[in-house]
Amino acid sequence: MGIQSRPSLYGSHLNLSSGHGSPTASSTGHFARQKLLLAKARDSENSLTSDEEDFLLSTKDDDLIERRKRSGTWPRTRSLNAPSPIQQFGPCGRIMKNSAMVMQVQDQDPAFQRLTWYKTPLTVLVIKKVRDVAVVIPFVHLIEWLINNKRMVVYCEEAVKDDKSVTGNSKFDELQDKLMYFREGRDDLTDKIDFIICLGGDGTLLYASSLFQQSVPPVMAFHLGSLGFLTPFLFDNFEEKVTNVLEGNAALTLRSRLKCTLKRRQSTDATADTGHITSNGQVSQNGIGIHTSLTNGSNNRSNNSPMNFLVLNEVVVDRGPSPYLSNVDLFIDGKHVTVVQGDGLIVSTPTGSTAYAVAAGASMIHPSVPAIMITPICPHSLSFRPIVVPAGVELKIKISPDSRNTAWVSFDGRNRQELHHGDALSVTTSVYPVPSICAQDQISDWFDSLADCLQWNVRKRQKTFDEDNCTTDSSGYDIMDT
């Protein structure tokens, strides 16, 4: 049977060939739905949702389940290639068209990814690192220059007005009435921001990414934080650097994000199910700025509507405060792959491969590589190594039915909440990447960050032989000074 590739489908995929069991007299409606879904699965123009897949697998049809186990012989409903990323970033930014570019984005040479503005950017979002006095002066100088010299509309967080280190600055007092403010979780910035400037470290860029759950405007990140792996620009001579970007002279790295969908098990007793949430409230509050919609969703399990998150680094499932091993089922494209027994699991983007994942023993992947990394956290197995899977697959994570405890999940270190038996977390590559502006180019920036931030392969150089004093013993081996 030939393989059918349908890269436009990003949902759960299950392909079922013809054939079904015989219904009982009391299951006419049940059988009718099964027959309808089987016909839908055979139709090359349709794919099954996760709910429809679960329904078919619950029919106890032995022939159906046996064919499900032979999933490698069935036609696929989705491509292993990454979904084509949206090439428009905010209201103004786009990838520059080039005659050497390949038409399909997943095959496109990243070297040709350069920023262009199809209309003049007028609004800029400036995000500064919180609780850092050293960032205040650069922040004030930047917004003053953007307002007075570039005549741009500058957006800032409303919390800046409550920061005493900022409000105590005399220049800021003169500018604050000219600024536009937003409140996280309340004000929608979609299609309002043309350009983003971050002043801080990697966490500042992650926060900026979380503000845009669809298209992200181009991001220029200045290194004013601690590590700065994702912040390639130094603040010295910032006027020239920002001007070059506003004129469209910049290379782009499209940093893929993960689309995470958390679906809660339908429950009739919300009070019983939320007992752990209430008793561990101090744990769930570790993430900064939990969205109101998330808090309501996690505390009301009778509301079964899925919750969606886009993450730039990773989604982490761990055992939380429990003393027991996490016991988590991992599915890839509907196939049960393994049971994770250990402290937890990290599902990361190539950008996130140099964050928590590398600390857990994973390899480092260039952000232009289309892939998803799966890394166990302290697995209770010597053979469970980190793996890299194609960017187009869909992962599903569930608590194993025989698990002794629940698990906890966090998204880029935020929105931490509890996973219960019956909950399902789906993860796949989003079509909305983060267009990160390069200081040099995609390759130079990454290797400079590896060397400067992580001290990658830094060691003393081996000494050369001293030809005048080099001797050889009777066996013919060189005698080397160790």
Foldseek 3Di string as FASTA:
>chain_A
DDADADAVDQAFFDAFADDWDDDDPVCPVLVVLLVVVNVQSVDLVHGDHPVSVVSNVVPPTPVRVVVRQVRVPGHINHDLAARAFDQAFAPWKGFDDDPPFDPGRSPGDLQSGFIDGPDQFAEEEEEEDPPDLVCQVVVLVVVVCCCPPVVHAYEYAPCLVVDCSNVVDPSVVVCVVSHHYDYQLPDQCGNVHQEYEYHEAPVRVQVQVQSDPFHHHEYAYEYNYDQHLQHLHHCVPVVVVVVCVSNRNFRWQFFWKKKKKKFAAADPDLVVVCPVCVVVVVVQPQAPPAHPVLVVCQSGRNPGDIDIGIFRAWKWKFAPPDPAWFWKFKDKSNHTDDTFTHGTKIKTALVNCPPVVVVQPGDHHQSSDAWIKIQHHGTPDPPDGIDIGRQSIKMKMFRDPPDPGWIWMDGNRHSIHIGDHPMMMMMHIDSHTHTYTDPPYSVVSNVVSCCRRVVPPDDDDDDDDDVVPWDADPVRDTDDDD
